[in-house]
């Protein structure tokens, strides 16, 4: 298998290679030794977008999940801020 971690400088100098590798598996680019970004292929990106949309509740579902018992929401005691300069 190929490499999957690249420094920013290596990724910049060998961008075509990073792109080709990302088509096979996610590629991590590090900056100052710490992970900065992950480059993924379009197919994986579309799969993740579809998965996120499938799991996200619709606006109607969120509205229907609101309490229906006319109960009161708890209120916190807060001090009003002073508007004088």
N, C-alpha and C. Protein backbone atom coordinates (compact mmCIF):
# COMPACT_ATOMS: atom_id res chain seq x y z
N UNK A 1 0.86 -1.18 0.00
CA UNK A 1 0.00 0.00 0.00
C UNK A 1 0.89 1.23 0.00
N UNK A 2 0.38 2.37 -0.22
CA UNK A 2 1.18 3.58 -0.27
C UNK A 2 1.19 4.33 1.03
N UNK A 3 1.74 5.44 0.93
CA UNK A 3 1.86 6.36 2.05
C UNK A 3 0.50 7.01 2.35
N UNK A 4 0.24 7.35 3.60
CA UNK A 4 -1.03 8.01 3.93
C UNK A 4 -0.85 9.27 4.76
N UNK A 5 0.38 9.59 5.15
CA UNK A 5 0.67 10.82 5.90
C UNK A 5 1.69 11.64 5.13
N UNK A 6 1.40 12.93 5.02
CA UNK A 6 2.25 13.85 4.26
C UNK A 6 2.45 15.13 5.06
N UNK A 7 3.63 15.67 5.01
CA UNK A 7 3.82 17.02 5.56
C UNK A 7 3.25 17.99 4.52
N UNK A 8 2.96 19.21 4.94
CA UNK A 8 2.44 20.20 4.00
C UNK A 8 3.41 20.37 2.83
N UNK A 9 4.69 20.46 3.13
CA UNK A 9 5.69 20.67 2.07
C UNK A 9 5.71 19.49 1.10
N UNK A 10 5.69 18.25 1.63
CA UNK A 10 5.68 17.08 0.75
C UNK A 10 4.40 17.05 -0.09
N UNK A 11 3.27 17.34 0.54
CA UNK A 11 2.00 17.33 -0.19
C UNK A 11 2.01 18.39 -1.30
N UNK A 12 2.60 19.52 -1.02
CA UNK A 12 2.69 20.59 -2.01
C UNK A 12 3.59 20.17 -3.18
N UNK A 13 4.73 19.59 -2.86
CA UNK A 13 5.69 19.20 -3.89
C UNK A 13 5.24 17.99 -4.70
N UNK A 14 4.39 17.15 -4.10
CA UNK A 14 3.99 15.91 -4.75
C UNK A 14 2.46 15.79 -4.82
N UNK A 15 1.82 16.90 -5.14
CA UNK A 15 0.36 16.99 -5.09
C UNK A 15 -0.32 15.93 -5.96
N UNK A 16 0.16 15.70 -7.16
CA UNK A 16 -0.46 14.70 -8.03
C UNK A 16 -0.43 13.32 -7.38
N UNK A 17 0.65 13.00 -6.71
CA UNK A 17 0.78 11.72 -6.01
C UNK A 17 -0.20 11.65 -4.84
N UNK A 18 -0.37 12.76 -4.13
CA UNK A 18 -1.32 12.80 -3.01
C UNK A 18 -2.74 12.58 -3.54
N UNK A 19 -3.08 13.22 -4.65
CA UNK A 19 -4.41 13.06 -5.24
C UNK A 19 -4.65 11.60 -5.64
N UNK A 20 -3.69 11.01 -6.29
CA UNK A 20 -3.84 9.60 -6.69
C UNK A 20 -3.99 8.70 -5.47
N UNK A 21 -3.23 8.94 -4.43
CA UNK A 21 -3.32 8.13 -3.21
C UNK A 21 -4.68 8.34 -2.54
N UNK A 22 -5.21 9.57 -2.57
CA UNK A 22 -6.49 9.87 -1.93
C UNK A 22 -7.65 9.16 -2.63
N UNK A 23 -7.48 8.81 -3.89
CA UNK A 23 -8.52 8.05 -4.59
C UNK A 23 -8.63 6.63 -4.02
N UNK A 24 -7.55 6.15 -3.40
CA UNK A 24 -7.54 4.80 -2.83
C UNK A 24 -7.87 4.80 -1.35
N UNK A 25 -7.36 5.81 -0.63
CA UNK A 25 -7.55 5.87 0.83
C UNK A 25 -7.34 7.30 1.30
N UNK A 26 -7.97 7.69 2.40
CA UNK A 26 -7.77 9.05 2.93
C UNK A 26 -6.29 9.34 3.19
N UNK A 27 -5.89 10.57 2.90
CA UNK A 27 -4.51 11.02 3.08
C UNK A 27 -4.49 12.15 4.10
N UNK A 28 -3.68 12.02 5.12
CA UNK A 28 -3.57 13.04 6.16
C UNK A 28 -2.38 13.94 5.86
N UNK A 29 -2.63 15.24 5.92
CA UNK A 29 -1.56 16.22 5.73
C UNK A 29 -1.30 16.86 7.08
N UNK A 30 -0.04 16.87 7.48
CA UNK A 30 0.33 17.41 8.79
C UNK A 30 1.00 18.76 8.63
N UNK A 31 0.82 19.59 9.63
CA UNK A 31 1.49 20.88 9.70
C UNK A 31 2.14 20.97 11.06
N UNK A 32 3.44 21.20 11.07
CA UNK A 32 4.22 21.22 12.30
C UNK A 32 4.05 19.91 13.08
N UNK A 33 3.95 18.81 12.34
CA UNK A 33 3.87 17.49 12.96
C UNK A 33 2.50 17.09 13.46
N UNK A 34 1.49 17.96 13.31
CA UNK A 34 0.15 17.65 13.79
C UNK A 34 -0.82 17.55 12.62
N UNK A 35 -1.77 16.61 12.65
CA UNK A 35 -2.73 16.50 11.56
C UNK A 35 -3.46 17.82 11.33
N UNK A 36 -3.50 18.25 10.06
CA UNK A 36 -4.15 19.51 9.72
C UNK A 36 -5.40 19.28 8.87
N UNK A 37 -5.29 18.43 7.84
CA UNK A 37 -6.42 18.14 6.96
C UNK A 37 -6.33 16.70 6.50
N UNK A 38 -7.48 16.21 6.02
CA UNK A 38 -7.53 14.89 5.41
C UNK A 38 -8.06 15.09 4.00
N UNK A 39 -7.38 14.50 3.04
CA UNK A 39 -7.80 14.57 1.65
C UNK A 39 -8.43 13.23 1.30
N UNK A 40 -9.66 13.29 0.76
CA UNK A 40 -10.36 12.06 0.40
C UNK A 40 -10.82 12.15 -1.05
N UNK A 41 -11.07 11.01 -1.65
CA UNK A 41 -11.58 10.94 -3.01
C UNK A 41 -13.02 11.40 -3.07
N UNK A 42 -13.47 11.76 -4.28
CA UNK A 42 -14.84 12.24 -4.47
C UNK A 42 -15.86 11.18 -4.09
N UNK A 43 -15.62 9.93 -4.42
CA UNK A 43 -16.58 8.87 -4.08
C UNK A 43 -16.79 8.78 -2.57
N UNK A 44 -15.70 8.85 -1.80
CA UNK A 44 -15.82 8.80 -0.34
C UNK A 44 -16.53 10.04 0.20
N UNK A 45 -16.22 11.20 -0.37
CA UNK A 45 -16.87 12.44 0.04
C UNK A 45 -18.38 12.36 -0.20
N UNK A 46 -18.77 11.90 -1.37
CA UNK A 46 -20.21 11.77 -1.69
C UNK A 46 -20.88 10.76 -0.76
N UNK A 47 -20.19 9.65 -0.45
CA UNK A 47 -20.73 8.65 0.48
C UNK A 47 -20.98 9.27 1.85
N UNK A 48 -20.01 10.05 2.34
CA UNK A 48 -20.15 10.69 3.65
C UNK A 48 -21.26 11.74 3.64
N UNK A 49 -21.37 12.52 2.56
CA UNK A 49 -22.46 13.51 2.47
C UNK A 49 -23.81 12.83 2.50
N UNK A 50 -23.94 11.75 1.74
CA UNK A 50 -25.21 11.01 1.70
C UNK A 50 -25.55 10.45 3.08
N UNK A 51 -24.54 9.90 3.75
CA UNK A 51 -24.73 9.34 5.08
C UNK A 51 -25.17 10.41 6.07
N UNK A 52 -24.54 11.58 6.01
CA UNK A 52 -24.90 12.67 6.92
C UNK A 52 -26.33 13.14 6.66
N UNK A 53 -26.73 13.24 5.40
CA UNK A 53 -28.10 13.66 5.08
C UNK A 53 -29.11 12.61 5.55
N UNK A 54 -28.77 11.34 5.41
CA UNK A 54 -29.69 10.27 5.80
C UNK A 54 -29.90 10.25 7.31
N UNK A 55 -28.91 10.65 8.08
CA UNK A 55 -29.02 10.60 9.54
C UNK A 55 -29.54 11.89 10.15
N UNK A 56 -29.54 12.99 9.40
CA UNK A 56 -29.97 14.28 9.94
C UNK A 56 -31.50 14.34 9.99
N UNK A 57 -32.06 14.76 11.12
CA UNK A 57 -33.52 14.88 11.19
C UNK A 57 -34.00 16.04 10.31
N UNK A 58 -35.18 15.91 9.76
CA UNK A 58 -35.76 17.00 8.97
C UNK A 58 -36.29 18.08 9.92
N UNK A 59 -36.57 19.24 9.38
CA UNK A 59 -37.11 20.33 10.18
C UNK A 59 -38.46 19.91 10.79
N UNK A 60 -39.27 19.21 10.00
CA UNK A 60 -40.56 18.74 10.51
C UNK A 60 -40.37 17.78 11.68
N UNK A 61 -39.39 16.88 11.59
CA UNK A 61 -39.12 15.95 12.68
C UNK A 61 -38.69 16.69 13.94
N UNK A 62 -37.88 17.73 13.77
CA UNK A 62 -37.46 18.52 14.92
C UNK A 62 -38.65 19.22 15.57
N UNK A 63 -39.55 19.77 14.76
CA UNK A 63 -40.73 20.43 15.31
C UNK A 63 -41.63 19.44 16.04
N UNK A 64 -41.80 18.26 15.47
CA UNK A 64 -42.65 17.26 16.10
C UNK A 64 -42.04 16.71 17.38
N UNK A 65 -40.74 16.84 17.55
CA UNK A 65 -40.07 16.35 18.76
C UNK A 65 -40.18 17.33 19.92
N UNK A 66 -40.70 18.52 19.67
CA UNK A 66 -40.83 19.50 20.75
C UNK A 66 -41.88 19.03 21.75
N UNK A 67 -41.71 19.38 23.03
CA UNK A 67 -42.69 18.99 24.04
C UNK A 67 -44.08 19.51 23.69
N UNK A 68 -45.08 18.66 23.86
CA UNK A 68 -46.46 19.01 23.51
C UNK A 68 -47.34 19.23 24.74
N UNK A 69 -46.75 19.23 25.94
CA UNK A 69 -47.56 19.25 27.16
C UNK A 69 -47.80 20.64 27.73
N UNK A 70 -47.47 21.68 27.00
CA UNK A 70 -47.62 23.06 27.48
C UNK A 70 -46.88 23.31 28.78
N UNK A 71 -45.91 22.47 29.08
CA UNK A 71 -45.12 22.65 30.28
C UNK A 71 -44.21 23.87 30.15
N UNK A 72 -43.72 24.32 31.27
CA UNK A 72 -42.84 25.47 31.25
C UNK A 72 -41.39 25.04 31.18
N UNK A 73 -40.63 25.83 30.50
CA UNK A 73 -39.20 25.58 30.42
C UNK A 73 -38.52 26.22 31.63
N UNK A 74 -37.49 25.59 32.16
CA UNK A 74 -36.80 26.19 33.31
C UNK A 74 -36.12 27.49 32.91
N UNK A 75 -36.19 28.47 33.78
CA UNK A 75 -35.53 29.75 33.54
C UNK A 75 -34.43 29.93 34.57
N UNK A 76 -33.32 30.45 34.11
CA UNK A 76 -32.20 30.70 35.00
C UNK A 76 -32.23 32.15 35.47
N UNK A 77 -31.90 32.34 36.73
CA UNK A 77 -31.81 33.70 37.25
C UNK A 77 -30.53 34.34 36.73
N UNK A 78 -30.67 35.44 36.03
CA UNK A 78 -29.51 36.15 35.50
C UNK A 78 -29.63 37.63 35.83
N UNK A 79 -28.48 38.24 36.01
CA UNK A 79 -28.46 39.68 36.28
C UNK A 79 -28.42 40.41 34.95
N UNK A 80 -29.26 41.43 34.80
CA UNK A 80 -29.27 42.21 33.57
C UNK A 80 -27.95 42.97 33.47
N UNK A 81 -27.47 43.14 32.26
CA UNK A 81 -26.22 43.87 32.09
C UNK A 81 -26.46 45.37 32.18
N UNK A 82 -25.46 46.07 32.63
CA UNK A 82 -25.52 47.53 32.78
C UNK A 82 -25.21 48.17 31.43
N UNK A 83 -26.11 49.01 30.94
CA UNK A 83 -25.92 49.63 29.64
C UNK A 83 -25.23 50.98 29.71
N UNK A 84 -25.05 51.51 30.92
CA UNK A 84 -24.38 52.81 31.07
C UNK A 84 -22.89 52.66 30.76
N UNK A 85 -22.29 53.64 30.04
CA UNK A 85 -20.87 53.54 29.72
C UNK A 85 -19.96 53.72 30.90
